[in-house]
Amino acid sequence: MKGKHNKKPTSKLSKSNKTEEESKPIAQDSEDEQSFSNWLRSDEGVENLKLFIVGNSIIVFLVLSWPNIKETLDAMYYSYIEYTERK
């Protein structure tokens, strides 16, 4: 039994979105960018990315905490100097 309930509803928005997507030019990566992307997706690229993230995190931590570290080291240094002068 075929009736109007068996028809799939069509949306005007979906048709207009398809034509807009089809009309947009697709950016092609240059050969260098494509080879870098392929390398980054490889096992070696993922491992290097992990190392970069760990190294970058250490650097950010040191840069942000350096004033407190310096203050603590100065306090320890002056305490040591004061202690050795008493002897």
N, C-alpha and C. Protein backbone atom coordinates (compact mmCIF):
# COMPACT_ATOMS: atom_id res chain seq x y z
N MET A 1 0.82 -1.16 0.00
CA MET A 1 0.00 0.00 0.00
C MET A 1 0.88 1.25 0.00
N LYS A 2 0.87 1.93 -1.06
CA LYS A 2 1.67 3.14 -1.19
C LYS A 2 0.79 4.34 -0.93
N GLY A 3 1.27 5.18 -0.09
CA GLY A 3 0.53 6.39 0.23
C GLY A 3 1.50 7.53 0.46
N LYS A 4 0.97 8.62 0.91
CA LYS A 4 1.84 9.77 1.12
C LYS A 4 2.70 9.62 2.37
N HIS A 5 2.42 8.63 3.21
CA HIS A 5 3.23 8.41 4.41
C HIS A 5 4.54 7.70 4.08
N ASN A 6 4.65 7.06 2.96
CA ASN A 6 5.87 6.34 2.58
C ASN A 6 6.91 7.26 1.96
N LYS A 7 6.56 8.47 1.63
CA LYS A 7 7.51 9.39 1.01
C LYS A 7 8.44 9.98 2.07
N LYS A 8 9.68 10.12 1.70
CA LYS A 8 10.65 10.73 2.60
C LYS A 8 10.52 12.24 2.49
N PRO A 9 10.50 12.93 3.63
CA PRO A 9 10.42 14.39 3.56
C PRO A 9 11.74 14.95 3.07
N THR A 10 11.66 15.91 2.20
CA THR A 10 12.86 16.57 1.70
C THR A 10 12.90 17.97 2.26
N SER A 11 14.08 18.37 2.62
CA SER A 11 14.27 19.68 3.20
C SER A 11 14.91 20.60 2.17
N LYS A 12 14.42 21.81 2.11
CA LYS A 12 15.01 22.78 1.18
C LYS A 12 16.38 23.20 1.67
N LEU A 13 16.60 23.18 2.98
CA LEU A 13 17.89 23.57 3.53
C LEU A 13 18.98 22.59 3.13
N SER A 14 18.68 21.30 3.17
CA SER A 14 19.71 20.32 2.84
C SER A 14 20.13 20.45 1.38
N LYS A 15 19.20 20.77 0.50
CA LYS A 15 19.55 20.93 -0.91
C LYS A 15 20.40 22.18 -1.10
N SER A 16 20.05 23.28 -0.42
CA SER A 16 20.83 24.51 -0.59
C SER A 16 22.21 24.37 0.02
N ASN A 17 22.35 23.64 1.14
CA ASN A 17 23.66 23.43 1.75
C ASN A 17 24.56 22.62 0.84
N LYS A 18 23.99 21.62 0.16
CA LYS A 18 24.79 20.81 -0.75
C LYS A 18 25.33 21.64 -1.89
N THR A 19 24.50 22.51 -2.44
CA THR A 19 24.97 23.32 -3.56
C THR A 19 26.01 24.33 -3.11
N GLU A 20 25.89 24.86 -1.89
CA GLU A 20 26.89 25.79 -1.38
C GLU A 20 28.22 25.09 -1.15
N GLU A 21 28.15 23.87 -0.58
CA GLU A 21 29.38 23.12 -0.34
C GLU A 21 30.06 22.73 -1.63
N GLU A 22 29.27 22.38 -2.63
CA GLU A 22 29.84 21.99 -3.91
C GLU A 22 30.45 23.17 -4.63
N SER A 23 29.92 24.37 -4.42
CA SER A 23 30.44 25.53 -5.14
C SER A 23 31.71 26.08 -4.50
N LYS A 24 31.98 25.75 -3.21
CA LYS A 24 33.18 26.25 -2.56
C LYS A 24 34.40 25.53 -3.11
N PRO A 25 35.45 26.28 -3.43
CA PRO A 25 36.67 25.61 -3.91
C PRO A 25 37.37 24.92 -2.75
N ILE A 26 37.88 23.74 -3.00
CA ILE A 26 38.59 22.97 -1.99
C ILE A 26 40.06 23.36 -2.06
N ALA A 27 40.61 23.78 -0.91
CA ALA A 27 42.01 24.19 -0.86
C ALA A 27 42.90 22.96 -0.94
N GLN A 28 43.83 22.99 -1.84
CA GLN A 28 44.77 21.90 -2.00
C GLN A 28 46.05 22.24 -1.26
N ASP A 29 46.54 21.31 -0.43
CA ASP A 29 47.80 21.52 0.27
C ASP A 29 48.95 21.42 -0.72
N SER A 30 49.98 22.19 -0.44
CA SER A 30 51.16 22.05 -1.28
C SER A 30 51.82 20.71 -0.96
N GLU A 31 52.76 20.35 -1.76
CA GLU A 31 53.41 19.05 -1.59
C GLU A 31 54.15 18.98 -0.26
N ASP A 32 54.79 20.09 0.14
CA ASP A 32 55.49 20.12 1.43
C ASP A 32 54.53 19.96 2.59
N GLU A 33 53.41 20.68 2.56
CA GLU A 33 52.44 20.59 3.64
C GLU A 33 51.83 19.19 3.72
N GLN A 34 51.59 18.59 2.59
CA GLN A 34 51.00 17.26 2.58
C GLN A 34 51.98 16.23 3.13
N SER A 35 53.25 16.35 2.80
CA SER A 35 54.23 15.39 3.31
C SER A 35 54.42 15.58 4.81
N PHE A 36 54.37 16.83 5.30
CA PHE A 36 54.46 17.06 6.74
C PHE A 36 53.25 16.47 7.46
N SER A 37 52.08 16.63 6.89
CA SER A 37 50.86 16.06 7.49
C SER A 37 50.96 14.54 7.56
N ASN A 38 51.45 13.94 6.51
CA ASN A 38 51.61 12.48 6.51
C ASN A 38 52.62 12.04 7.56
N TRP A 39 53.73 12.77 7.67
CA TRP A 39 54.75 12.43 8.67
C TRP A 39 54.19 12.59 10.07
N LEU A 40 53.41 13.66 10.31
CA LEU A 40 52.85 13.91 11.63
C LEU A 40 51.87 12.83 12.04
N ARG A 41 51.20 12.24 11.10
CA ARG A 41 50.26 11.15 11.39
C ARG A 41 50.97 9.81 11.62
N SER A 42 52.23 9.74 11.24
CA SER A 42 52.97 8.49 11.41
C SER A 42 53.33 8.29 12.89
N ASP A 43 53.82 7.09 13.21
CA ASP A 43 54.21 6.78 14.59
C ASP A 43 55.34 7.69 15.06
N GLU A 44 56.30 7.94 14.19
CA GLU A 44 57.43 8.80 14.55
C GLU A 44 56.95 10.22 14.82
N GLY A 45 56.04 10.71 14.00
CA GLY A 45 55.52 12.05 14.19
C GLY A 45 54.75 12.20 15.50
N VAL A 46 53.98 11.19 15.85
CA VAL A 46 53.21 11.22 17.10
C VAL A 46 54.16 11.22 18.30
N GLU A 47 55.21 10.41 18.24
CA GLU A 47 56.18 10.37 19.34
C GLU A 47 56.90 11.71 19.48
N ASN A 48 57.28 12.32 18.37
CA ASN A 48 57.94 13.63 18.43
C ASN A 48 56.99 14.70 18.96
N LEU A 49 55.73 14.60 18.62
CA LEU A 49 54.74 15.54 19.12
C LEU A 49 54.59 15.40 20.63
N LYS A 50 54.60 14.17 21.13
CA LYS A 50 54.53 13.95 22.58
C LYS A 50 55.75 14.56 23.27
N LEU A 51 56.93 14.36 22.71
CA LEU A 51 58.14 14.96 23.29
C LEU A 51 58.06 16.48 23.29
N PHE A 52 57.56 17.04 22.21
CA PHE A 52 57.41 18.50 22.13
C PHE A 52 56.47 19.00 23.22
N ILE A 53 55.36 18.31 23.42
CA ILE A 53 54.38 18.74 24.42
C ILE A 53 54.98 18.67 25.82
N VAL A 54 55.70 17.60 26.14
CA VAL A 54 56.32 17.47 27.45
C VAL A 54 57.38 18.57 27.65
N GLY A 55 58.22 18.77 26.66
CA GLY A 55 59.25 19.82 26.75
C GLY A 55 58.65 21.20 26.89
N ASN A 56 57.63 21.47 26.12
CA ASN A 56 56.97 22.77 26.18
C ASN A 56 56.32 22.97 27.55
N SER A 57 55.73 21.93 28.11
CA SER A 57 55.11 22.04 29.43
C SER A 57 56.15 22.35 30.51
N ILE A 58 57.30 21.71 30.42
CA ILE A 58 58.38 21.98 31.38
C ILE A 58 58.84 23.42 31.28
N ILE A 59 59.02 23.90 30.07
CA ILE A 59 59.46 25.29 29.87
C ILE A 59 58.43 26.28 30.41
N VAL A 60 57.16 26.05 30.13
CA VAL A 60 56.11 26.94 30.62
C VAL A 60 56.09 26.93 32.15
N PHE A 61 56.20 25.75 32.75
CA PHE A 61 56.22 25.65 34.21
C PHE A 61 57.39 26.43 34.80
N LEU A 62 58.57 26.28 34.22
CA LEU A 62 59.75 26.98 34.75
C LEU A 62 59.62 28.50 34.58
N VAL A 63 59.12 28.93 33.45
CA VAL A 63 58.99 30.37 33.22
C VAL A 63 58.00 30.99 34.19
N LEU A 64 56.89 30.30 34.42
CA LEU A 64 55.88 30.86 35.31
C LEU A 64 56.28 30.78 36.78
N SER A 65 57.03 29.76 37.15
CA SER A 65 57.39 29.61 38.56
C SER A 65 58.76 30.17 38.90
N TRP A 66 59.49 30.72 37.94
CA TRP A 66 60.85 31.19 38.18
C TRP A 66 60.94 32.23 39.29
N PRO A 67 60.06 33.22 39.37
CA PRO A 67 60.18 34.20 40.47
C PRO A 67 60.12 33.53 41.85
N ASN A 68 59.24 32.58 42.04
CA ASN A 68 59.16 31.89 43.33
C ASN A 68 60.39 31.02 43.57
N ILE A 69 60.88 30.37 42.54
CA ILE A 69 62.08 29.55 42.68
C ILE A 69 63.27 30.42 43.06
N LYS A 70 63.42 31.56 42.38
CA LYS A 70 64.53 32.47 42.67
C LYS A 70 64.46 32.99 44.10
N GLU A 71 63.27 33.35 44.55
CA GLU A 71 63.10 33.84 45.92
C GLU A 71 63.49 32.77 46.93
N THR A 72 63.11 31.54 46.69
CA THR A 72 63.45 30.44 47.60
C THR A 72 64.95 30.18 47.60
N LEU A 73 65.57 30.17 46.41
CA LEU A 73 67.01 29.94 46.33
C LEU A 73 67.79 31.07 47.00
N ASP A 74 67.34 32.31 46.82
CA ASP A 74 68.00 33.45 47.48
C ASP A 74 67.90 33.31 49.00
N ALA A 75 66.73 32.94 49.50
CA ALA A 75 66.55 32.77 50.94
C ALA A 75 67.47 31.68 51.46
N MET A 76 67.58 30.58 50.73
CA MET A 76 68.46 29.49 51.15
C MET A 76 69.92 29.94 51.11
N TYR A 77 70.30 30.68 50.08
CA TYR A 77 71.67 31.16 49.94
C TYR A 77 72.04 32.08 51.10
N TYR A 78 71.17 33.06 51.40
CA TYR A 78 71.47 34.01 52.47
C TYR A 78 71.46 33.32 53.83
N SER A 79 70.62 32.33 54.00
CA SER A 79 70.63 31.57 55.25
C SER A 79 71.94 30.81 55.40
N TYR A 80 72.41 30.24 54.31
CA TYR A 80 73.67 29.50 54.33
C TYR A 80 74.83 30.45 54.62
N ILE A 81 74.86 31.60 53.99
CA ILE A 81 75.94 32.59 54.21
C ILE A 81 75.93 33.05 55.66
N GLU A 82 74.76 33.33 56.18
CA GLU A 82 74.63 33.76 57.56
C GLU A 82 75.09 32.67 58.53
N TYR A 83 74.78 31.43 58.22
CA TYR A 83 75.16 30.30 59.07
C TYR A 83 76.67 30.10 59.04
N THR A 84 77.29 30.23 57.87
CA THR A 84 78.75 30.00 57.79
C THR A 84 79.53 31.15 58.40
N GLU A 85 79.00 32.37 58.45
CA GLU A 85 79.71 33.51 59.03
C GLU A 85 79.74 33.42 60.55
N ARG A 86 78.77 32.73 61.14
CA ARG A 86 78.72 32.62 62.59
C ARG A 86 79.81 31.70 63.12
N LYS A 87 80.30 30.80 62.34
CA LYS A 87 81.31 29.84 62.79
C LYS A 87 82.65 30.44 62.89
